[in-house]
Amino acid sequence: MSDDKPTVIEALSAVMADVQAISKTQRNEQQKYLFRGIDAVMNAVGPSMRIHGVVVMPEHVETHYRDAQTTSGKATREVTLLATYRIYGPAGDSVTMQAPGESLDSGDKGTAKAMSVAYR
């Protein structure tokens, strides 16, 4: 590690200073709620992460699947997962964090949805 480069914690702190609240500007019309999507999060934090040399890499994902039904009786699949991420800073050091994610999907996007929840 180089002494003249910020640690991962210092770089994450700089990103947090740059990026304040990310509004819930997207709307789910079916269930009538506002949310912030993965694209909004990445568009907000991505530029600052690049400036400050922060890289997030998935390290391990533990997934669980369960067949379920919606309230209207439609078949769906529930995905719950625990994602482990390693976050690298410009000095080459890193921290590890875990985040849960879950989704309910009637198609083939359940795992991707749960991963975007965990990443946000």
PDB file of N, CA and C in Angstrom:
ATOM      1  N   MET A   1       0.838  -1.183   0.000  1.00  0.00           N
ATOM      2  CA  MET A   1       0.000   0.000   0.000  1.00  0.00           C
ATOM      3  C   MET A   1       0.880   1.242   0.000  1.00  0.00           C
ATOM      4  N   SER A   2       0.423   2.221  -0.698  1.00  0.00           N
ATOM      5  CA  SER A   2       1.156   3.479  -0.779  1.00  0.00           C
ATOM      6  C   SER A   2       0.680   4.429   0.308  1.00  0.00           C
ATOM      7  N   ASP A   3       1.631   5.103   0.960  1.00  0.00           N
ATOM      8  CA  ASP A   3       1.295   6.026   2.036  1.00  0.00           C
ATOM      9  C   ASP A   3       0.623   7.302   1.530  1.00  0.00           C
ATOM     10  N   ASP A   4       0.797   7.623   0.243  1.00  0.00           N
ATOM     11  CA  ASP A   4       0.224   8.873  -0.256  1.00  0.00           C
ATOM     12  C   ASP A   4      -1.177   8.697  -0.833  1.00  0.00           C
ATOM     13  N   LYS A   5      -1.701   7.483  -0.844  1.00  0.00           N
ATOM     14  CA  LYS A   5      -3.053   7.246  -1.343  1.00  0.00           C
ATOM     15  C   LYS A   5      -3.995   7.021  -0.164  1.00  0.00           C
ATOM     16  N   PRO A   6      -5.251   7.501  -0.293  1.00  0.00           N
ATOM     17  CA  PRO A   6      -6.202   7.320   0.806  1.00  0.00           C
ATOM     18  C   PRO A   6      -6.537   5.847   1.031  1.00  0.00           C
ATOM     19  N   THR A   7      -6.826   5.513   2.280  1.00  0.00           N
ATOM     20  CA  THR A   7      -7.294   4.162   2.591  1.00  0.00           C
ATOM     21  C   THR A   7      -8.704   3.993   2.046  1.00  0.00           C
ATOM     22  N   VAL A   8      -9.168   2.761   2.037  1.00  0.00           N
ATOM     23  CA  VAL A   8     -10.516   2.491   1.552  1.00  0.00           C
ATOM     24  C   VAL A   8     -11.552   3.230   2.403  1.00  0.00           C
ATOM     25  N   ILE A   9     -11.355   3.299   3.695  1.00  0.00           N
ATOM     26  CA  ILE A   9     -12.300   4.003   4.568  1.00  0.00           C
ATOM     27  C   ILE A   9     -12.292   5.503   4.265  1.00  0.00           C
ATOM     28  N   GLU A  10     -11.114   6.078   4.051  1.00  0.00           N
ATOM     29  CA  GLU A  10     -11.036   7.494   3.698  1.00  0.00           C
ATOM     30  C   GLU A  10     -11.701   7.762   2.352  1.00  0.00           C
ATOM     31  N   ALA A  11     -11.493   6.865   1.387  1.00  0.00           N
ATOM     32  CA  ALA A  11     -12.095   7.034   0.066  1.00  0.00           C
ATOM     33  C   ALA A  11     -13.609   6.880   0.139  1.00  0.00           C
ATOM     34  N   LEU A  12     -14.098   5.892   0.911  1.00  0.00           N
ATOM     35  CA  LEU A  12     -15.545   5.730   1.076  1.00  0.00           C
ATOM     36  C   LEU A  12     -16.156   6.948   1.752  1.00  0.00           C
ATOM     37  N   SER A  13     -15.464   7.502   2.708  1.00  0.00           N
ATOM     38  CA  SER A  13     -15.936   8.713   3.375  1.00  0.00           C
ATOM     39  C   SER A  13     -16.053   9.868   2.383  1.00  0.00           C
ATOM     40  N   ALA A  14     -15.099   9.976   1.474  1.00  0.00           N
ATOM     41  CA  ALA A  14     -15.143  11.028   0.451  1.00  0.00           C
ATOM     42  C   ALA A  14     -16.327  10.817  -0.487  1.00  0.00           C
ATOM     43  N   VAL A  15     -16.590   9.569  -0.854  1.00  0.00           N
ATOM     44  CA  VAL A  15     -17.753   9.265  -1.706  1.00  0.00           C
ATOM     45  C   VAL A  15     -19.032   9.651  -0.973  1.00  0.00           C
ATOM     46  N   MET A  16     -19.116   9.299   0.296  1.00  0.00           N
ATOM     47  CA  MET A  16     -20.305   9.622   1.080  1.00  0.00           C
ATOM     48  C   MET A  16     -20.495  11.138   1.208  1.00  0.00           C
ATOM     49  N   ALA A  17     -19.406  11.874   1.280  1.00  0.00           N
ATOM     50  CA  ALA A  17     -19.505  13.335   1.344  1.00  0.00           C
ATOM     51  C   ALA A  17     -20.011  13.896   0.017  1.00  0.00           C
ATOM     52  N   ASP A  18     -19.585  13.288  -1.084  1.00  0.00           N
ATOM     53  CA  ASP A  18     -20.013  13.740  -2.415  1.00  0.00           C
ATOM     54  C   ASP A  18     -21.478  13.417  -2.690  1.00  0.00           C
ATOM     55  N   VAL A  19     -21.923  12.235  -2.280  1.00  0.00           N
ATOM     56  CA  VAL A  19     -23.253  11.740  -2.634  1.00  0.00           C
ATOM     57  C   VAL A  19     -24.130  11.779  -1.392  1.00  0.00           C
ATOM     58  N   GLN A  20     -25.092  12.626  -1.418  1.00  0.00           N
ATOM     59  CA  GLN A  20     -26.024  12.716  -0.292  1.00  0.00           C
ATOM     60  C   GLN A  20     -27.215  11.797  -0.564  1.00  0.00           C
ATOM     61  N   ALA A  21     -28.389  12.146  -0.166  1.00  0.00           N
ATOM     62  CA  ALA A  21     -29.575  11.298  -0.327  1.00  0.00           C
ATOM     63  C   ALA A  21     -29.886  11.061  -1.806  1.00  0.00           C
ATOM     64  N   ILE A  22     -30.317   9.862  -2.098  1.00  0.00           N
ATOM     65  CA  ILE A  22     -30.768   9.512  -3.437  1.00  0.00           C
ATOM     66  C   ILE A  22     -32.284   9.333  -3.339  1.00  0.00           C
ATOM     67  N   SER A  23     -33.006  10.190  -4.017  1.00  0.00           N
ATOM     68  CA  SER A  23     -34.455  10.204  -3.903  1.00  0.00           C
ATOM     69  C   SER A  23     -35.097   8.979  -4.536  1.00  0.00           C
ATOM     70  N   LYS A  24     -36.255   8.641  -4.009  1.00  0.00           N
ATOM     71  CA  LYS A  24     -37.083   7.591  -4.609  1.00  0.00           C
ATOM     72  C   LYS A  24     -37.925   8.253  -5.694  1.00  0.00           C
ATOM     73  N   THR A  25     -37.437   8.212  -6.920  1.00  0.00           N
ATOM     74  CA  THR A  25     -38.124   8.909  -8.012  1.00  0.00           C
ATOM     75  C   THR A  25     -38.828   7.969  -8.982  1.00  0.00           C
ATOM     76  N   GLN A  26     -38.597   6.680  -8.844  1.00  0.00           N
ATOM     77  CA  GLN A  26     -39.276   5.722  -9.716  1.00  0.00           C
ATOM     78  C   GLN A  26     -40.533   5.224  -9.020  1.00  0.00           C
ATOM     79  N   ARG A  27     -41.537   4.871  -9.811  1.00  0.00           N
ATOM     80  CA  ARG A  27     -42.818   4.457  -9.241  1.00  0.00           C
ATOM     81  C   ARG A  27     -43.220   3.092  -9.763  1.00  0.00           C
ATOM     82  N   ASN A  28     -43.571   2.207  -8.850  1.00  0.00           N
ATOM     83  CA  ASN A  28     -44.157   0.922  -9.187  1.00  0.00           C
ATOM     84  C   ASN A  28     -45.661   1.159  -9.279  1.00  0.00           C
ATOM     85  N   GLU A  29     -46.201   1.123 -10.487  1.00  0.00           N
ATOM     86  CA  GLU A  29     -47.618   1.423 -10.696  1.00  0.00           C
ATOM     87  C   GLU A  29     -48.523   0.309 -10.191  1.00  0.00           C
ATOM     88  N   GLN A  30     -48.052  -0.930 -10.267  1.00  0.00           N
ATOM     89  CA  GLN A  30     -48.888  -2.052  -9.863  1.00  0.00           C
ATOM     90  C   GLN A  30     -49.148  -2.045  -8.350  1.00  0.00           C
ATOM     91  N   GLN A  31     -48.091  -1.883  -7.557  1.00  0.00           N
ATOM     92  CA  GLN A  31     -48.253  -1.870  -6.101  1.00  0.00           C
ATOM     93  C   GLN A  31     -48.316  -0.454  -5.517  1.00  0.00           C
ATOM     94  N   LYS A  32     -48.173   0.556  -6.370  1.00  0.00           N
ATOM     95  CA  LYS A  32     -48.334   1.961  -5.965  1.00  0.00           C
ATOM     96  C   LYS A  32     -47.333   2.411  -4.901  1.00  0.00           C
ATOM     97  N   TYR A  33     -46.041   2.259  -5.200  1.00  0.00           N
ATOM     98  CA  TYR A  33     -45.040   2.786  -4.273  1.00  0.00           C
ATOM     99  C   TYR A  33     -43.876   3.374  -5.048  1.00  0.00           C
ATOM    100  N   LEU A  34     -43.167   4.288  -4.399  1.00  0.00           N
ATOM    101  CA  LEU A  34     -41.965   4.898  -4.970  1.00  0.00           C
ATOM    102  C   LEU A  34     -40.749   4.097  -4.546  1.00  0.00           C
ATOM    103  N   PHE A  35     -39.725   4.057  -5.415  1.00  0.00           N
ATOM    104  CA  PHE A  35     -38.500   3.350  -5.081  1.00  0.00           C
ATOM    105  C   PHE A  35     -37.325   4.003  -5.782  1.00  0.00           C
ATOM    106  N   ARG A  36     -36.120   3.675  -5.301  1.00  0.00           N
ATOM    107  CA  ARG A  36     -34.912   4.092  -6.008  1.00  0.00           C
ATOM    108  C   ARG A  36     -34.323   2.833  -6.631  1.00  0.00           C
ATOM    109  N   GLY A  37     -34.134   2.854  -7.923  1.00  0.00           N
ATOM    110  CA  GLY A  37     -33.623   1.690  -8.631  1.00  0.00           C
ATOM    111  C   GLY A  37     -32.106   1.648  -8.645  1.00  0.00           C
ATOM    112  N   ILE A  38     -31.584   0.508  -9.064  1.00  0.00           N
ATOM    113  CA  ILE A  38     -30.137   0.320  -9.123  1.00  0.00           C
ATOM    114  C   ILE A  38     -29.485   1.312 -10.084  1.00  0.00           C
ATOM    115  N   ASP A  39     -30.168   1.645 -11.187  1.00  0.00           N
ATOM    116  CA  ASP A  39     -29.592   2.616 -12.125  1.00  0.00           C
ATOM    117  C   ASP A  39     -29.441   3.990 -11.480  1.00  0.00           C
ATOM    118  N   ALA A  40     -30.437   4.406 -10.696  1.00  0.00           N
ATOM    119  CA  ALA A  40     -30.350   5.706 -10.018  1.00  0.00           C
ATOM    120  C   ALA A  40     -29.194   5.712  -9.022  1.00  0.00           C
ATOM    121  N   VAL A  41     -29.041   4.608  -8.299  1.00  0.00           N
ATOM    122  CA  VAL A  41     -27.951   4.518  -7.325  1.00  0.00           C
ATOM    123  C   VAL A  41     -26.602   4.558  -8.036  1.00  0.00           C
ATOM    124  N   MET A  42     -26.441   3.755  -9.083  1.00  0.00           N
ATOM    125  CA  MET A  42     -25.160   3.719  -9.790  1.00  0.00           C
ATOM    126  C   MET A  42     -24.845   5.044 -10.479  1.00  0.00           C
ATOM    127  N   ASN A  43     -25.865   5.697 -11.029  1.00  0.00           N
ATOM    128  CA  ASN A  43     -25.646   7.006 -11.653  1.00  0.00           C
ATOM    129  C   ASN A  43     -25.234   8.053 -10.626  1.00  0.00           C
ATOM    130  N   ALA A  44     -25.716   7.898  -9.398  1.00  0.00           N
ATOM    131  CA  ALA A  44     -25.376   8.864  -8.348  1.00  0.00           C
ATOM    132  C   ALA A  44     -23.996   8.599  -7.756  1.00  0.00           C
ATOM    133  N   VAL A  45     -23.677   7.337  -7.465  1.00  0.00           N
ATOM    134  CA  VAL A  45     -22.416   7.047  -6.773  1.00  0.00           C
ATOM    135  C   VAL A  45     -21.257   6.721  -7.714  1.00  0.00           C
ATOM    136  N   GLY A  46     -21.558   6.252  -8.918  1.00  0.00           N
ATOM    137  CA  GLY A  46     -20.511   5.835  -9.851  1.00  0.00           C
ATOM    138  C   GLY A  46     -19.447   6.882 -10.129  1.00  0.00           C
ATOM    139  N   PRO A  47     -19.840   8.111 -10.497  1.00  0.00           N
ATOM    140  CA  PRO A  47     -18.814   9.123 -10.777  1.00  0.00           C
ATOM    141  C   PRO A  47     -17.904   9.383  -9.576  1.00  0.00           C
ATOM    142  N   SER A  48     -18.474   9.472  -8.384  1.00  0.00           N
ATOM    143  CA  SER A  48     -17.665   9.736  -7.189  1.00  0.00           C
ATOM    144  C   SER A  48     -16.767   8.546  -6.858  1.00  0.00           C
ATOM    145  N   MET A  49     -17.280   7.335  -7.032  1.00  0.00           N
ATOM    146  CA  MET A  49     -16.451   6.149  -6.786  1.00  0.00           C
ATOM    147  C   MET A  49     -15.249   6.135  -7.730  1.00  0.00           C
ATOM    148  N   ARG A  50     -15.471   6.504  -8.990  1.00  0.00           N
ATOM    149  CA  ARG A  50     -14.353   6.540  -9.945  1.00  0.00           C
ATOM    150  C   ARG A  50     -13.349   7.624  -9.574  1.00  0.00           C
ATOM    151  N   ILE A  51     -13.831   8.784  -9.185  1.00  0.00           N
ATOM    152  CA  ILE A  51     -12.931   9.885  -8.792  1.00  0.00           C
ATOM    153  C   ILE A  51     -12.071   9.481  -7.600  1.00  0.00           C
ATOM    154  N   HIS A  52     -12.670   8.819  -6.624  1.00  0.00           N
ATOM    155  CA  HIS A  52     -11.970   8.497  -5.382  1.00  0.00           C
ATOM    156  C   HIS A  52     -11.339   7.105  -5.377  1.00  0.00           C
ATOM    157  N   GLY A  53     -11.423   6.387  -6.492  1.00  0.00           N
ATOM    158  CA  GLY A  53     -10.737   5.107  -6.615  1.00  0.00           C
ATOM    159  C   GLY A  53     -11.337   3.972  -5.807  1.00  0.00           C
ATOM    160  N   VAL A  54     -12.667   3.969  -5.676  1.00  0.00           N
ATOM    161  CA  VAL A  54     -13.358   2.921  -4.937  1.00  0.00           C
ATOM    162  C   VAL A  54     -13.942   1.909  -5.921  1.00  0.00           C
ATOM    163  N   VAL A  55     -13.656   0.626  -5.679  1.00  0.00           N
ATOM    164  CA  VAL A  55     -14.160  -0.450  -6.530  1.00  0.00           C
ATOM    165  C   VAL A  55     -14.849  -1.477  -5.643  1.00  0.00           C
ATOM    166  N   VAL A  56     -16.062  -1.862  -6.036  1.00  0.00           N
ATOM    167  CA  VAL A  56     -16.832  -2.855  -5.290  1.00  0.00           C
ATOM    168  C   VAL A  56     -16.918  -4.124  -6.132  1.00  0.00           C
ATOM    169  N   MET A  57     -16.505  -5.240  -5.528  1.00  0.00           N
ATOM    170  CA  MET A  57     -16.519  -6.527  -6.235  1.00  0.00           C
ATOM    171  C   MET A  57     -17.315  -7.547  -5.420  1.00  0.00           C
ATOM    172  N   PRO A  58     -18.269  -8.234  -6.054  1.00  0.00           N
ATOM    173  CA  PRO A  58     -18.938  -9.313  -5.327  1.00  0.00           C
ATOM    174  C   PRO A  58     -17.942 -10.437  -5.069  1.00  0.00           C
ATOM    175  N   GLU A  59     -17.986 -10.971  -3.872  1.00  0.00           N
ATOM    176  CA  GLU A  59     -17.040 -12.014  -3.493  1.00  0.00           C
ATOM    177  C   GLU A  59     -17.715 -13.370  -3.313  1.00  0.00           C
ATOM    178  N   HIS A  60     -18.944 -13.343  -2.778  1.00  0.00           N
ATOM    179  CA  HIS A  60     -19.676 -14.580  -2.542  1.00  0.00           C
ATOM    180  C   HIS A  60     -21.156 -14.243  -2.424  1.00  0.00           C
ATOM    181  N   VAL A  61     -22.001 -15.114  -2.977  1.00  0.00           N
ATOM    182  CA  VAL A  61     -23.440 -14.925  -2.866  1.00  0.00           C
ATOM    183  C   VAL A  61     -24.064 -16.248  -2.448  1.00  0.00           C
ATOM    184  N   GLU A  62     -24.797 -16.200  -1.341  1.00  0.00           N
ATOM    185  CA  GLU A  62     -25.528 -17.374  -0.861  1.00  0.00           C
ATOM    186  C   GLU A  62     -27.003 -17.153  -1.181  1.00  0.00           C
ATOM    187  N   THR A  63     -27.584 -18.015  -2.016  1.00  0.00           N
ATOM    188  CA  THR A  63     -28.961 -17.812  -2.463  1.00  0.00           C
ATOM    189  C   THR A  63     -29.881 -18.920  -1.957  1.00  0.00           C
ATOM    190  N   HIS A  64     -31.132 -18.526  -1.777  1.00  0.00           N
ATOM    191  CA  HIS A  64     -32.185 -19.466  -1.411  1.00  0.00           C
ATOM    192  C   HIS A  64     -33.409 -19.153  -2.263  1.00  0.00           C
ATOM    193  N   TYR A  65     -34.052 -20.187  -2.766  1.00  0.00           N
ATOM    194  CA  TYR A  65     -35.216 -20.038  -3.635  1.00  0.00           C
ATOM    195  C   TYR A  65     -36.412 -20.749  -3.021  1.00  0.00           C
ATOM    196  N   ARG A  66     -37.592 -20.166  -3.245  1.00  0.00           N
ATOM    197  CA  ARG A  66     -38.817 -20.778  -2.762  1.00  0.00           C
ATOM    198  C   ARG A  66     -39.941 -20.454  -3.731  1.00  0.00           C
ATOM    199  N   ASP A  67     -40.707 -21.460  -4.114  1.00  0.00           N
ATOM    200  CA  ASP A  67     -41.888 -21.216  -4.929  1.00  0.00           C
ATOM    201  C   ASP A  67     -42.957 -20.599  -4.049  1.00  0.00           C
ATOM    202  N   ALA A  68     -43.645 -19.604  -4.573  1.00  0.00           N
ATOM    203  CA  ALA A  68     -44.652 -18.884  -3.801  1.00  0.00           C
ATOM    204  C   ALA A  68     -45.789 -18.474  -4.731  1.00  0.00           C
ATOM    205  N   GLN A  69     -46.744 -17.761  -4.192  1.00  0.00           N
ATOM    206  CA  GLN A  69     -47.857 -17.219  -4.966  1.00  0.00           C
ATOM    207  C   GLN A  69     -48.059 -15.766  -4.583  1.00  0.00           C
ATOM    208  N   THR A  70     -48.496 -14.980  -5.571  1.00  0.00           N
ATOM    209  CA  THR A  70     -48.868 -13.604  -5.278  1.00  0.00           C
ATOM    210  C   THR A  70     -50.216 -13.609  -4.568  1.00  0.00           C
ATOM    211  N   THR A  71     -50.652 -12.446  -4.101  1.00  0.00           N
ATOM    212  CA  THR A  71     -51.952 -12.369  -3.426  1.00  0.00           C
ATOM    213  C   THR A  71     -53.100 -12.726  -4.365  1.00  0.00           C
ATOM    214  N   SER A  72     -52.877 -12.581  -5.663  1.00  0.00           N
ATOM    215  CA  SER A  72     -53.915 -12.959  -6.633  1.00  0.00           C
ATOM    216  C   SER A  72     -53.804 -14.422  -7.062  1.00  0.00           C
ATOM    217  N   GLY A  73     -52.846 -15.164  -6.498  1.00  0.00           N
ATOM    218  CA  GLY A  73     -52.726 -16.586  -6.787  1.00  0.00           C
ATOM    219  C   GLY A  73     -51.771 -16.949  -7.916  1.00  0.00           C
ATOM    220  N   LYS A  74     -51.090 -15.972  -8.502  1.00  0.00           N
ATOM    221  CA  LYS A  74     -50.148 -16.231  -9.597  1.00  0.00           C
ATOM    222  C   LYS A  74     -48.868 -16.868  -9.055  1.00  0.00           C
ATOM    223  N   ALA A  75     -48.391 -17.893  -9.747  1.00  0.00           N
ATOM    224  CA  ALA A  75     -47.144 -18.549  -9.344  1.00  0.00           C
ATOM    225  C   ALA A  75     -45.976 -17.575  -9.476  1.00  0.00           C
ATOM    226  N   THR A  76     -45.116 -17.594  -8.490  1.00  0.00           N
ATOM    227  CA  THR A  76     -43.951 -16.718  -8.493  1.00  0.00           C
ATOM    228  C   THR A  76     -42.825 -17.407  -7.723  1.00  0.00           C
ATOM    229  N   ARG A  77     -41.666 -16.834  -7.797  1.00  0.00           N
ATOM    230  CA  ARG A  77     -40.526 -17.389  -7.084  1.00  0.00           C
ATOM    231  C   ARG A  77     -39.928 -16.327  -6.187  1.00  0.00           C
ATOM    232  N   GLU A  78     -39.689 -16.717  -4.943  1.00  0.00           N
ATOM    233  CA  GLU A  78     -39.051 -15.826  -3.978  1.00  0.00           C
ATOM    234  C   GLU A  78     -37.561 -16.144  -3.946  1.00  0.00           C
ATOM    235  N   VAL A  79     -36.755 -15.112  -4.032  1.00  0.00           N
ATOM    236  CA  VAL A  79     -35.305 -15.265  -3.945  1.00  0.00           C
ATOM    237  C   VAL A  79     -34.827 -14.448  -2.748  1.00  0.00           C
ATOM    238  N   THR A  80     -34.123 -15.094  -1.841  1.00  0.00           N
ATOM    239  CA  THR A  80     -33.445 -14.382  -0.764  1.00  0.00           C
ATOM    240  C   THR A  80     -31.965 -14.715  -0.870  1.00  0.00           C
ATOM    241  N   LEU A  81     -31.148 -13.732  -0.616  1.00  0.00           N
ATOM    242  CA  LEU A  81     -29.710 -13.967  -0.728  1.00  0.00           C
ATOM    243  C   LEU A  81     -28.945 -13.104   0.239  1.00  0.00           C
ATOM    244  N   LEU A  82     -27.735 -13.526   0.496  1.00  0.00           N
ATOM    245  CA  LEU A  82     -26.780 -12.756   1.278  1.00  0.00           C
ATOM    246  C   LEU A  82     -25.545 -12.591   0.400  1.00  0.00           C
ATOM    247  N   ALA A  83     -25.284 -11.356   0.015  1.00  0.00           N
ATOM    248  CA  ALA A  83     -24.148 -11.066  -0.859  1.00  0.00           C
ATOM    249  C   ALA A  83     -22.987 -10.515  -0.028  1.00  0.00           C
ATOM    250  N   THR A  84     -21.807 -11.043  -0.280  1.00  0.00           N
ATOM    251  CA  THR A  84     -20.595 -10.539   0.346  1.00  0.00           C
ATOM    252  C   THR A  84     -19.831  -9.751  -0.704  1.00  0.00           C
ATOM    253  N   TYR A  85     -19.525  -8.507  -0.384  1.00  0.00           N
ATOM    254  CA  TYR A  85     -18.789  -7.634  -1.292  1.00  0.00           C
ATOM    255  C   TYR A  85     -17.459  -7.255  -0.665  1.00  0.00           C
ATOM    256  N   ARG A  86     -16.435  -7.151  -1.499  1.00  0.00           N
ATOM    257  CA  ARG A  86     -15.149  -6.600  -1.066  1.00  0.00           C
ATOM    258  C   ARG A  86     -15.017  -5.243  -1.750  1.00  0.00           C
ATOM    259  N   ILE A  87     -14.743  -4.237  -0.934  1.00  0.00           N
ATOM    260  CA  ILE A  87     -14.620  -2.867  -1.433  1.00  0.00           C
ATOM    261  C   ILE A  87     -13.154  -2.475  -1.344  1.00  0.00           C
ATOM    262  N   TYR A  88     -12.582  -2.136  -2.496  1.00  0.00           N
ATOM    263  CA  TYR A  88     -11.166  -1.773  -2.582  1.00  0.00           C
ATOM    264  C   TYR A  88     -11.025  -0.262  -2.667  1.00  0.00           C
ATOM    265  N   GLY A  89      -9.982   0.243  -2.031  1.00  0.00           N
ATOM    266  CA  GLY A  89      -9.657   1.657  -2.094  1.00  0.00           C
ATOM    267  C   GLY A  89      -8.424   1.898  -2.942  1.00  0.00           C
ATOM    268  N   PRO A  90      -8.078   3.157  -3.159  1.00  0.00           N
ATOM    269  CA  PRO A  90      -6.951   3.499  -4.025  1.00  0.00           C
ATOM    270  C   PRO A  90      -5.596   3.039  -3.502  1.00  0.00           C
ATOM    271  N   ALA A  91      -5.484   2.801  -2.201  1.00  0.00           N
ATOM    272  CA  ALA A  91      -4.210   2.339  -1.630  1.00  0.00           C
ATOM    273  C   ALA A  91      -4.043   0.829  -1.765  1.00  0.00           C
ATOM    274  N   GLY A  92      -5.083   0.154  -2.262  1.00  0.00           N
ATOM    275  CA  GLY A  92      -5.008  -1.298  -2.429  1.00  0.00           C
ATOM    276  C   GLY A  92      -5.577  -2.079  -1.260  1.00  0.00           C
ATOM    277  N   ASP A  93      -5.948  -1.389  -0.179  1.00  0.00           N
ATOM    278  CA  ASP A  93      -6.559  -2.082   0.953  1.00  0.00           C
ATOM    279  C   ASP A  93      -8.045  -2.307   0.666  1.00  0.00           C
ATOM    280  N   SER A  94      -8.692  -3.089   1.519  1.00  0.00           N
ATOM    281  CA  SER A  94     -10.098  -3.399   1.265  1.00  0.00           C
ATOM    282  C   SER A  94     -10.836  -3.657   2.572  1.00  0.00           C
ATOM    283  N   VAL A  95     -12.150  -3.585   2.484  1.00  0.00           N
ATOM    284  CA  VAL A  95     -13.042  -3.992   3.559  1.00  0.00           C
ATOM    285  C   VAL A  95     -14.084  -4.917   2.941  1.00  0.00           C
ATOM    286  N   THR A  96     -14.615  -5.786   3.776  1.00  0.00           N
ATOM    287  CA  THR A  96     -15.647  -6.708   3.323  1.00  0.00           C
ATOM    288  C   THR A  96     -16.947  -6.346   4.011  1.00  0.00           C
ATOM    289  N   MET A  97     -18.037  -6.415   3.272  1.00  0.00           N
ATOM    290  CA  MET A  97     -19.355  -6.161   3.844  1.00  0.00           C
ATOM    291  C   MET A  97     -20.348  -7.152   3.283  1.00  0.00           C
ATOM    292  N   GLN A  98     -21.410  -7.370   4.024  1.00  0.00           N
ATOM    293  CA  GLN A  98     -22.479  -8.242   3.569  1.00  0.00           C
ATOM    294  C   GLN A  98     -23.770  -7.452   3.517  1.00  0.00           C
ATOM    295  N   ALA A  99     -24.620  -7.823   2.570  1.00  0.00           N
ATOM    296  CA  ALA A  99     -25.917  -7.176   2.431  1.00  0.00           C
ATOM    297  C   ALA A  99     -26.940  -8.202   1.976  1.00  0.00           C
ATOM    298  N   PRO A 100     -28.124  -8.184   2.577  1.00  0.00           N
ATOM    299  CA  PRO A 100     -29.174  -9.099   2.134  1.00  0.00           C
ATOM    300  C   PRO A 100     -29.913  -8.518   0.941  1.00  0.00           C
ATOM    301  N   GLY A 101     -30.533  -9.387   0.182  1.00  0.00           N
ATOM    302  CA  GLY A 101     -31.391  -8.973  -0.920  1.00  0.00           C
ATOM    303  C   GLY A 101     -32.525  -9.963  -1.045  1.00  0.00           C
ATOM    304  N   GLU A 102     -33.673  -9.485  -1.487  1.00  0.00           N
ATOM    305  CA  GLU A 102     -34.788 -10.388  -1.714  1.00  0.00           C
ATOM    306  C   GLU A 102     -35.626  -9.867  -2.862  1.00  0.00           C
ATOM    307  N   SER A 103     -36.329 -10.787  -3.498  1.00  0.00           N
ATOM    308  CA  SER A 103     -37.219 -10.396  -4.580  1.00  0.00           C
ATOM    309  C   SER A 103     -38.300 -11.458  -4.745  1.00  0.00           C
ATOM    310  N   LEU A 104     -39.324 -11.068  -5.443  1.00  0.00           N
ATOM    311  CA  LEU A 104     -40.418 -11.947  -5.821  1.00  0.00           C
ATOM    312  C   LEU A 104     -40.627 -11.704  -7.299  1.00  0.00           C
ATOM    313  N   ASP A 105     -40.524 -12.743  -8.129  1.00  0.00           N
ATOM    314  CA  ASP A 105     -40.599 -12.548  -9.568  1.00  0.00           C
ATOM    315  C   ASP A 105     -41.264 -13.754 -10.221  1.00  0.00           C
ATOM    316  N   SER A 106     -42.110 -13.489 -11.190  1.00  0.00           N
ATOM    317  CA  SER A 106     -42.803 -14.575 -11.883  1.00  0.00           C
ATOM    318  C   SER A 106     -42.046 -15.039 -13.121  1.00  0.00           C
ATOM    319  N   GLY A 107     -40.954 -14.376 -13.449  1.00  0.00           N
ATOM    320  CA  GLY A 107     -40.160 -14.759 -14.611  1.00  0.00           C
ATOM    321  C   GLY A 107     -38.777 -15.227 -14.201  1.00  0.00           C
ATOM    322  N   ASP A 108     -37.788 -14.831 -15.005  1.00  0.00           N
ATOM    323  CA  ASP A 108     -36.414 -15.293 -14.768  1.00  0.00           C
ATOM    324  C   ASP A 108     -35.512 -14.203 -14.200  1.00  0.00           C
ATOM    325  N   LYS A 109     -36.079 -13.165 -13.615  1.00  0.00           N
ATOM    326  CA  LYS A 109     -35.279 -12.026 -13.145  1.00  0.00           C
ATOM    327  C   LYS A 109     -35.127 -11.968 -11.631  1.00  0.00           C
ATOM    328  N   GLY A 110     -35.598 -12.971 -10.909  1.00  0.00           N
ATOM    329  CA  GLY A 110     -35.594 -12.928  -9.450  1.00  0.00           C
ATOM    330  C   GLY A 110     -34.218 -12.741  -8.840  1.00  0.00           C
ATOM    331  N   THR A 111     -33.237 -13.502  -9.314  1.00  0.00           N
ATOM    332  CA  THR A 111     -31.894 -13.393  -8.750  1.00  0.00           C
ATOM    333  C   THR A 111     -31.277 -12.033  -9.054  1.00  0.00           C
ATOM    334  N   ALA A 112     -31.452 -11.556 -10.295  1.00  0.00           N
ATOM    335  CA  ALA A 112     -30.917 -10.242 -10.653  1.00  0.00           C
ATOM    336  C   ALA A 112     -31.566  -9.134  -9.817  1.00  0.00           C
ATOM    337  N   LYS A 113     -32.865  -9.235  -9.575  1.00  0.00           N
ATOM    338  CA  LYS A 113     -33.542  -8.241  -8.742  1.00  0.00           C
ATOM    339  C   LYS A 113     -33.004  -8.277  -7.315  1.00  0.00           C
ATOM    340  N   ALA A 114     -32.855  -9.466  -6.758  1.00  0.00           N
ATOM    341  CA  ALA A 114     -32.350  -9.594  -5.392  1.00  0.00           C
ATOM    342  C   ALA A 114     -30.917  -9.072  -5.284  1.00  0.00           C
ATOM    343  N   MET A 115     -30.098  -9.318  -6.309  1.00  0.00           N
ATOM    344  CA  MET A 115     -28.726  -8.801  -6.302  1.00  0.00           C
ATOM    345  C   MET A 115     -28.709  -7.277  -6.354  1.00  0.00           C
ATOM    346  N   SER A 116     -29.605  -6.675  -7.143  1.00  0.00           N
ATOM    347  CA  SER A 116     -29.623  -5.206  -7.204  1.00  0.00           C
ATOM    348  C   SER A 116     -30.086  -4.619  -5.874  1.00  0.00           C
ATOM    349  N   VAL A 117     -30.987  -5.304  -5.180  1.00  0.00           N
ATOM    350  CA  VAL A 117     -31.408  -4.854  -3.849  1.00  0.00           C
ATOM    351  C   VAL A 117     -30.214  -4.894  -2.886  1.00  0.00           C
ATOM    352  N   ALA A 118     -29.475  -5.986  -2.904  1.00  0.00           N
ATOM    353  CA  ALA A 118     -28.311  -6.121  -2.015  1.00  0.00           C
ATOM    354  C   ALA A 118     -27.252  -5.065  -2.346  1.00  0.00           C
ATOM    355  N   TYR A 119     -27.036  -4.796  -3.613  1.00  0.00           N
ATOM    356  CA  TYR A 119     -25.987  -3.843  -4.017  1.00  0.00           C
ATOM    357  C   TYR A 119     -26.341  -2.411  -3.659  1.00  0.00           C
ATOM    358  N   ARG A 120     -27.630  -2.086  -3.783  1.00  0.00           N
ATOM    359  CA  ARG A 120     -28.056  -0.711  -3.440  1.00  0.00           C
ATOM    360  C   ARG A 120     -27.752  -0.434  -1.997  1.00  0.00           C
TER     361      ARG A 120
END
